[in-house]
């Protein structure tokens, strides 16, 4: 694995592990990194979402945690995610938002 692939993998793991934090707040779908958004949208089929004051689609924190747990410990990604296409900076920024 190249160093850039290793960085992308670690950023992805950190992001998903951050979603397992019990104090995580609900999150706008638009705030989910683009590479992961289609998988989350598929996971959310039949689940409850809501809109915030700005009209953004919001995902409950419990659903985010369930999705992350499924990716980490369960079924994994529905399609391969080439690590070269992962926006490491966006994943790190999203992970930092979770920690704040």
N, C-alpha and C. Protein backbone atom coordinates (compact mmCIF):
# COMPACT_ATOMS: atom_id res chain seq x y z
N UNK A 1 0.86 -1.18 0.00
CA UNK A 1 0.00 0.00 0.00
C UNK A 1 0.90 1.23 0.00
N UNK A 2 0.60 2.17 -0.88
CA UNK A 2 1.39 3.40 -0.94
C UNK A 2 1.09 4.27 0.27
N UNK A 3 1.94 5.25 0.51
CA UNK A 3 1.71 6.13 1.66
C UNK A 3 0.43 6.94 1.47
N UNK A 4 0.10 7.35 0.25
CA UNK A 4 -1.14 8.11 0.04
C UNK A 4 -2.36 7.21 0.25
N UNK A 5 -2.27 5.94 -0.16
CA UNK A 5 -3.36 5.00 0.10
C UNK A 5 -3.51 4.74 1.59
N UNK A 6 -2.38 4.62 2.28
CA UNK A 6 -2.41 4.43 3.73
C UNK A 6 -3.05 5.62 4.42
N UNK A 7 -2.72 6.83 3.99
CA UNK A 7 -3.33 8.04 4.55
C UNK A 7 -4.83 8.05 4.32
N UNK A 8 -5.25 7.68 3.11
CA UNK A 8 -6.68 7.66 2.78
C UNK A 8 -7.41 6.61 3.63
N UNK A 9 -6.82 5.44 3.76
CA UNK A 9 -7.42 4.38 4.57
C UNK A 9 -7.56 4.83 6.02
N UNK A 10 -6.52 5.43 6.57
CA UNK A 10 -6.56 5.87 7.97
C UNK A 10 -7.59 6.98 8.16
N UNK A 11 -7.67 7.91 7.21
CA UNK A 11 -8.66 8.98 7.31
C UNK A 11 -10.08 8.42 7.26
N UNK A 12 -10.29 7.42 6.41
CA UNK A 12 -11.60 6.77 6.32
C UNK A 12 -11.95 6.06 7.62
N UNK A 13 -11.01 5.33 8.17
CA UNK A 13 -11.24 4.63 9.45
C UNK A 13 -11.52 5.63 10.57
N UNK A 14 -10.74 6.70 10.64
CA UNK A 14 -10.94 7.71 11.68
C UNK A 14 -12.33 8.33 11.56
N UNK A 15 -12.75 8.63 10.34
CA UNK A 15 -14.07 9.23 10.12
C UNK A 15 -15.17 8.27 10.60
N UNK A 16 -15.10 7.03 10.15
CA UNK A 16 -16.14 6.06 10.53
C UNK A 16 -16.13 5.78 12.02
N UNK A 17 -14.96 5.67 12.63
CA UNK A 17 -14.89 5.46 14.07
C UNK A 17 -15.46 6.66 14.82
N UNK A 18 -15.26 7.87 14.28
CA UNK A 18 -15.83 9.06 14.90
C UNK A 18 -17.35 9.05 14.92
N UNK A 19 -17.96 8.39 13.94
CA UNK A 19 -19.42 8.31 13.90
C UNK A 19 -19.97 7.40 14.99
N UNK A 20 -19.13 6.56 15.56
CA UNK A 20 -19.56 5.66 16.63
C UNK A 20 -19.60 6.36 18.00
N UNK A 21 -19.12 7.58 18.06
CA UNK A 21 -19.09 8.34 19.31
C UNK A 21 -20.52 8.57 19.81
N UNK A 22 -20.84 8.16 21.04
CA UNK A 22 -22.21 8.30 21.53
C UNK A 22 -22.66 9.75 21.70
N UNK A 23 -21.74 10.70 21.72
CA UNK A 23 -22.15 12.10 21.87
C UNK A 23 -22.26 12.82 20.52
N UNK A 24 -22.17 12.07 19.43
CA UNK A 24 -22.28 12.65 18.10
C UNK A 24 -23.66 13.26 17.90
N UNK A 25 -23.71 14.43 17.29
CA UNK A 25 -24.99 15.08 16.98
C UNK A 25 -25.49 14.60 15.62
N UNK A 26 -26.77 14.86 15.37
CA UNK A 26 -27.32 14.60 14.04
C UNK A 26 -26.49 15.37 13.03
N UNK A 27 -26.50 14.91 11.79
CA UNK A 27 -25.63 15.49 10.78
C UNK A 27 -26.38 15.65 9.46
N UNK A 28 -26.07 16.72 8.75
CA UNK A 28 -26.65 16.93 7.43
C UNK A 28 -26.03 15.94 6.45
N UNK A 29 -26.86 15.40 5.57
CA UNK A 29 -26.35 14.49 4.56
C UNK A 29 -25.26 15.16 3.73
N UNK A 30 -25.43 16.43 3.46
CA UNK A 30 -24.44 17.17 2.65
C UNK A 30 -23.08 17.25 3.34
N UNK A 31 -23.02 17.05 4.65
CA UNK A 31 -21.76 17.09 5.39
C UNK A 31 -21.01 15.76 5.36
N UNK A 32 -21.67 14.73 4.88
CA UNK A 32 -21.00 13.43 4.74
C UNK A 32 -20.09 13.50 3.52
N UNK A 33 -18.85 13.06 3.65
CA UNK A 33 -17.94 13.12 2.50
C UNK A 33 -18.57 12.50 1.25
N UNK A 34 -18.36 13.14 0.12
CA UNK A 34 -19.02 12.77 -1.14
C UNK A 34 -18.81 11.30 -1.51
N UNK A 35 -17.64 10.77 -1.26
CA UNK A 35 -17.36 9.37 -1.64
C UNK A 35 -18.23 8.38 -0.87
N UNK A 36 -18.69 8.77 0.32
CA UNK A 36 -19.48 7.87 1.16
C UNK A 36 -20.98 8.14 1.09
N UNK A 37 -21.37 9.27 0.54
CA UNK A 37 -22.77 9.68 0.52
C UNK A 37 -23.71 8.67 -0.16
N UNK A 38 -23.36 8.12 -1.33
CA UNK A 38 -24.28 7.15 -1.96
C UNK A 38 -24.56 5.94 -1.08
N UNK A 39 -23.54 5.46 -0.40
CA UNK A 39 -23.74 4.31 0.49
C UNK A 39 -24.64 4.64 1.66
N UNK A 40 -24.49 5.84 2.22
CA UNK A 40 -25.35 6.25 3.32
C UNK A 40 -26.78 6.43 2.83
N UNK A 41 -26.95 7.02 1.65
CA UNK A 41 -28.29 7.19 1.11
C UNK A 41 -28.98 5.84 0.92
N UNK A 42 -28.24 4.85 0.44
CA UNK A 42 -28.82 3.51 0.28
C UNK A 42 -29.17 2.92 1.64
N UNK A 43 -28.31 3.10 2.62
CA UNK A 43 -28.56 2.60 3.97
C UNK A 43 -29.80 3.25 4.58
N UNK A 44 -30.03 4.51 4.26
CA UNK A 44 -31.14 5.26 4.85
C UNK A 44 -32.50 4.96 4.21
N UNK A 45 -32.53 4.16 3.17
CA UNK A 45 -33.80 3.81 2.54
C UNK A 45 -34.75 3.22 3.58
N UNK A 46 -35.90 3.83 3.71
CA UNK A 46 -36.91 3.36 4.66
C UNK A 46 -36.73 3.87 6.08
N UNK A 47 -35.66 4.62 6.33
CA UNK A 47 -35.43 5.17 7.67
C UNK A 47 -35.88 6.63 7.71
N UNK A 48 -36.11 7.12 8.88
CA UNK A 48 -36.60 8.48 9.07
C UNK A 48 -35.47 9.49 8.98
N UNK A 49 -35.71 10.52 8.20
CA UNK A 49 -34.83 11.69 8.12
C UNK A 49 -35.69 12.91 8.43
N UNK A 50 -35.06 14.03 8.60
CA UNK A 50 -35.80 15.28 8.78
C UNK A 50 -35.02 16.40 8.13
N UNK A 51 -35.63 17.57 8.05
CA UNK A 51 -34.96 18.74 7.49
C UNK A 51 -34.73 19.75 8.61
N UNK A 52 -33.55 20.38 8.58
CA UNK A 52 -33.27 21.44 9.54
C UNK A 52 -33.88 22.75 9.06
N UNK A 53 -33.63 23.81 9.80
CA UNK A 53 -34.21 25.12 9.47
C UNK A 53 -33.79 25.60 8.08
N UNK A 54 -32.63 25.18 7.62
CA UNK A 54 -32.11 25.59 6.31
C UNK A 54 -32.61 24.68 5.19
N UNK A 55 -33.40 23.68 5.53
CA UNK A 55 -33.93 22.77 4.53
C UNK A 55 -33.00 21.64 4.15
N UNK A 56 -31.92 21.45 4.90
CA UNK A 56 -30.97 20.37 4.61
C UNK A 56 -31.50 19.04 5.13
N UNK A 57 -31.25 17.97 4.38
CA UNK A 57 -31.60 16.62 4.84
C UNK A 57 -30.71 16.26 6.01
N UNK A 58 -31.31 15.91 7.13
CA UNK A 58 -30.56 15.58 8.34
C UNK A 58 -30.69 14.09 8.64
N UNK A 59 -29.59 13.53 9.12
CA UNK A 59 -29.53 12.12 9.48
C UNK A 59 -29.36 12.04 11.00
N UNK A 60 -30.18 11.22 11.64
CA UNK A 60 -30.05 11.04 13.08
C UNK A 60 -28.71 10.39 13.42
N UNK A 61 -28.12 10.82 14.53
CA UNK A 61 -26.82 10.31 14.96
C UNK A 61 -26.85 8.79 15.14
N UNK A 62 -27.94 8.27 15.65
CA UNK A 62 -28.03 6.81 15.85
C UNK A 62 -27.96 6.07 14.52
N UNK A 63 -28.56 6.63 13.47
CA UNK A 63 -28.48 6.01 12.15
C UNK A 63 -27.08 6.10 11.58
N UNK A 64 -26.40 7.23 11.82
CA UNK A 64 -25.01 7.37 11.38
C UNK A 64 -24.13 6.32 12.06
N UNK A 65 -24.35 6.12 13.35
CA UNK A 65 -23.57 5.13 14.10
C UNK A 65 -23.84 3.72 13.59
N UNK A 66 -25.12 3.42 13.32
CA UNK A 66 -25.46 2.09 12.80
C UNK A 66 -24.83 1.86 11.43
N UNK A 67 -24.85 2.89 10.59
CA UNK A 67 -24.25 2.78 9.26
C UNK A 67 -22.74 2.56 9.38
N UNK A 68 -22.08 3.34 10.23
CA UNK A 68 -20.63 3.20 10.41
C UNK A 68 -20.29 1.81 10.96
N UNK A 69 -21.06 1.34 11.92
CA UNK A 69 -20.82 0.01 12.49
C UNK A 69 -20.98 -1.06 11.42
N UNK A 70 -21.97 -0.90 10.56
CA UNK A 70 -22.17 -1.86 9.48
C UNK A 70 -20.99 -1.85 8.51
N UNK A 71 -20.45 -0.67 8.23
CA UNK A 71 -19.30 -0.59 7.34
C UNK A 71 -18.06 -1.21 7.97
N UNK A 72 -17.86 -0.94 9.25
CA UNK A 72 -16.65 -1.40 9.94
C UNK A 72 -16.73 -2.89 10.28
N UNK A 73 -17.85 -3.31 10.87
CA UNK A 73 -17.94 -4.65 11.43
C UNK A 73 -18.85 -5.59 10.66
N UNK A 74 -19.62 -5.05 9.73
CA UNK A 74 -20.62 -5.86 9.05
C UNK A 74 -20.33 -6.05 7.58
N UNK A 75 -21.26 -5.57 6.79
CA UNK A 75 -21.23 -5.81 5.34
C UNK A 75 -20.13 -5.07 4.61
N UNK A 76 -19.64 -3.97 5.16
CA UNK A 76 -18.63 -3.18 4.47
C UNK A 76 -19.27 -2.31 3.41
N UNK A 77 -18.46 -1.76 2.54
CA UNK A 77 -18.95 -0.90 1.47
C UNK A 77 -19.71 -1.73 0.44
N UNK A 78 -20.75 -1.13 -0.14
CA UNK A 78 -21.52 -1.84 -1.15
C UNK A 78 -20.76 -1.94 -2.46
N UNK A 79 -19.82 -1.04 -2.69
CA UNK A 79 -18.98 -1.06 -3.89
C UNK A 79 -17.57 -0.67 -3.48
N UNK A 80 -16.58 -1.18 -4.17
CA UNK A 80 -15.20 -0.81 -3.84
C UNK A 80 -15.00 0.71 -3.90
N UNK A 81 -14.22 1.20 -2.99
CA UNK A 81 -13.89 2.63 -2.95
C UNK A 81 -12.39 2.76 -3.20
N UNK A 82 -12.02 3.10 -4.44
CA UNK A 82 -10.58 3.25 -4.71
C UNK A 82 -9.98 4.33 -3.81
N UNK A 83 -8.99 3.97 -3.03
CA UNK A 83 -8.42 4.91 -2.08
C UNK A 83 -7.85 6.15 -2.75
N UNK A 84 -7.45 6.02 -4.01
CA UNK A 84 -6.90 7.18 -4.73
C UNK A 84 -7.97 8.25 -4.96
N UNK A 85 -9.25 7.87 -4.89
CA UNK A 85 -10.33 8.83 -5.12
C UNK A 85 -10.82 9.49 -3.84
N UNK A 86 -10.31 9.03 -2.70
CA UNK A 86 -10.76 9.56 -1.41
C UNK A 86 -10.15 10.93 -1.16
N UNK A 87 -10.99 11.88 -0.80
CA UNK A 87 -10.53 13.23 -0.45
C UNK A 87 -10.13 13.21 1.02
N UNK A 88 -8.85 12.98 1.25
CA UNK A 88 -8.33 12.83 2.62
C UNK A 88 -8.60 14.08 3.44
N UNK A 89 -8.41 15.24 2.85
CA UNK A 89 -8.64 16.50 3.58
C UNK A 89 -10.09 16.63 4.01
N UNK A 90 -11.02 16.26 3.15
CA UNK A 90 -12.45 16.33 3.50
C UNK A 90 -12.79 15.36 4.63
N UNK A 91 -12.23 14.15 4.57
CA UNK A 91 -12.47 13.19 5.64
C UNK A 91 -11.91 13.68 6.97
N UNK A 92 -10.71 14.23 6.93
CA UNK A 92 -10.12 14.75 8.17
C UNK A 92 -10.92 15.92 8.71
N UNK A 93 -11.39 16.80 7.83
CA UNK A 93 -12.19 17.94 8.28
C UNK A 93 -13.50 17.46 8.90
N UNK A 94 -14.13 16.46 8.29
CA UNK A 94 -15.38 15.92 8.85
C UNK A 94 -15.12 15.24 10.19
N UNK A 95 -13.99 14.57 10.32
CA UNK A 95 -13.64 13.92 11.59
C UNK A 95 -13.42 14.98 12.67
N UNK A 96 -12.79 16.07 12.34
CA UNK A 96 -12.58 17.14 13.31
C UNK A 96 -13.91 17.78 13.72
N UNK A 97 -14.86 17.89 12.81
CA UNK A 97 -16.19 18.43 13.16
C UNK A 97 -16.86 17.53 14.19
N UNK A 98 -16.68 16.21 14.07
CA UNK A 98 -17.28 15.28 15.04
C UNK A 98 -16.69 15.48 16.42
N UNK A 99 -15.39 15.72 16.44
CA UNK A 99 -14.70 15.84 17.73
C UNK A 99 -15.00 17.16 18.43
N UNK A 100 -15.48 18.14 17.69
CA UNK A 100 -15.74 19.47 18.29
C UNK A 100 -16.99 19.48 19.11
